[in-house]
Amino acid sequence: MGSILEFNDTLKLESDYLPEKIEEGKEYTFNVSGRRIFHMFPVRIFLVEEKDEKWNYIGHAQIIIQTINALDNTTSGKYIISKKYSKDYMELVNRNEPPKGKEVA
């Protein structure tokens, strides 16, 4: 018998769990389902907003704290926005990076 851990280079948050205004250098909290291990600071991960099952790439984040709760089967922590994409770059990334069928229209 073993444990299931998912390794992620992407922090995907539903729209309702993202701050209204995203600022570079600011610290935010997250809580996602599943037991996950994210790349930790200083390595960047992708920050993605999920809305209506579509992926909207916002920029880069760096995980500074993460906690896996085996009882609740969740992962929570804190991250810093290290880079926020410009509108033009965001459009380009969103056309090319999301998994098939998850592209923002």
Protein backbone atom coordinates (compact mmCIF):
# COMPACT_ATOMS: atom_id res chain seq x y z
CA MET A 1 0.00 0.00 0.00
CA GLY A 2 1.33 3.43 -0.85
CA SER A 3 0.49 7.11 -0.78
CA ILE A 4 -0.55 9.07 -3.81
CA LEU A 5 1.33 12.35 -4.20
CA GLU A 6 0.98 14.57 -7.23
CA PHE A 7 3.97 16.71 -8.30
CA ASN A 8 2.85 20.02 -9.82
CA ASP A 9 4.53 22.87 -11.66
CA THR A 10 1.19 24.67 -11.91
CA LEU A 11 -0.96 26.20 -9.18
CA LYS A 12 -4.46 26.07 -10.67
CA LEU A 13 -7.06 27.96 -8.66
CA GLU A 14 -10.74 28.44 -9.33
CA SER A 15 -11.73 32.06 -10.02
CA ASP A 16 -13.45 32.34 -6.64
CA TYR A 17 -10.17 31.58 -4.83
CA LEU A 18 -8.01 34.13 -6.63
CA PRO A 19 -7.56 37.63 -5.23
CA GLU A 20 -9.49 40.34 -7.07
CA LYS A 21 -6.32 42.28 -7.81
CA ILE A 22 -3.14 40.30 -8.39
CA GLU A 23 0.07 42.16 -7.57
CA GLU A 24 3.66 41.11 -8.20
CA GLY A 25 5.64 40.55 -5.02
CA LYS A 26 2.53 40.19 -2.86
CA GLU A 27 1.89 37.09 -0.72
CA TYR A 28 -1.33 35.07 -1.06
CA THR A 29 -2.74 31.86 0.41
CA PHE A 30 -4.09 28.80 -1.40
CA ASN A 31 -5.97 25.62 -0.59
CA VAL A 32 -6.43 22.91 -3.22
CA SER A 33 -7.80 19.38 -3.17
CA GLY A 34 -5.45 16.42 -3.24
CA ARG A 35 -2.00 15.70 -1.87
CA ARG A 36 0.36 17.78 -3.97
CA ILE A 37 3.98 18.78 -3.94
CA PHE A 38 4.76 22.04 -5.71
CA HIS A 39 8.20 23.23 -6.73
CA MET A 40 9.32 25.52 -3.92
CA PHE A 41 10.90 28.98 -3.84
CA PRO A 42 13.01 30.11 -5.65
CA VAL A 43 11.70 27.95 -8.52
CA ARG A 44 8.74 29.43 -10.37
CA ILE A 45 5.48 27.64 -11.08
CA PHE A 46 2.67 28.69 -13.40
CA LEU A 47 -0.33 30.45 -11.87
CA VAL A 48 -3.55 29.48 -13.62
CA GLU A 49 -7.14 30.59 -13.10
CA GLU A 50 -9.75 27.92 -13.81
CA LYS A 51 -13.16 29.18 -14.83
CA ASP A 52 -15.85 27.02 -16.41
CA GLU A 53 -13.23 24.24 -16.81
CA LYS A 54 -11.01 26.51 -18.95
CA TRP A 55 -7.42 27.44 -18.02
CA ASN A 56 -6.36 31.09 -17.98
CA TYR A 57 -2.59 31.47 -17.47
CA ILE A 58 -1.99 34.57 -15.33
CA GLY A 59 1.72 34.49 -14.64
CA HIS A 60 4.35 32.92 -12.37
CA ALA A 61 4.22 32.21 -8.65
CA GLN A 62 6.67 30.90 -6.09
CA ILE A 63 5.49 28.64 -3.29
CA ILE A 64 6.95 29.72 0.04
CA ILE A 65 4.95 27.45 2.39
CA GLN A 66 3.00 24.27 1.69
CA THR A 67 1.20 21.85 3.99
CA ILE A 68 -0.32 18.51 3.04
CA ASN A 69 -3.30 17.51 5.17
CA ALA A 70 -3.70 13.72 4.86
CA LEU A 71 -6.97 13.70 6.84
CA ASP A 72 -8.70 16.26 4.61
CA ASN A 73 -6.78 15.23 1.47
CA THR A 74 -5.87 18.86 0.74
CA THR A 75 -2.77 20.95 0.18
CA SER A 76 -2.55 24.53 1.40
CA GLY A 77 0.09 27.18 1.73
CA LYS A 78 1.37 30.58 0.71
CA TYR A 79 2.75 31.86 -2.58
CA ILE A 80 4.20 35.05 -4.01
CA ILE A 81 3.36 36.38 -7.46
CA SER A 82 6.77 36.62 -9.13
CA LYS A 83 5.53 37.64 -12.58
CA LYS A 84 2.20 38.82 -13.95
CA TYR A 85 1.78 38.37 -17.69
CA SER A 86 0.97 41.34 -19.92
CA LYS A 87 -2.36 41.13 -21.74
CA ASP A 88 -0.67 40.38 -25.09
CA TYR A 89 1.56 37.66 -23.64
CA MET A 90 -1.37 36.17 -21.71
CA GLU A 91 -3.33 35.77 -24.96
CA LEU A 92 -0.37 34.01 -26.58
CA VAL A 93 0.23 31.65 -23.64
CA ASN A 94 -3.47 30.85 -23.34
CA ARG A 95 -3.58 29.78 -26.99
CA ASN A 96 -0.56 27.49 -26.68
CA GLU A 97 -0.17 26.08 -23.15
CA PRO A 98 -3.48 24.73 -21.79
CA PRO A 99 -4.27 21.04 -22.07
CA LYS A 100 -6.39 20.15 -25.11
CA GLY A 101 -9.98 21.27 -24.55
CA LYS A 102 -9.05 23.61 -21.68
CA GLU A 103 -8.16 26.64 -23.82
CA VAL A 104 -9.85 29.96 -23.06
CA ALA A 105 -12.06 30.90 -26.00
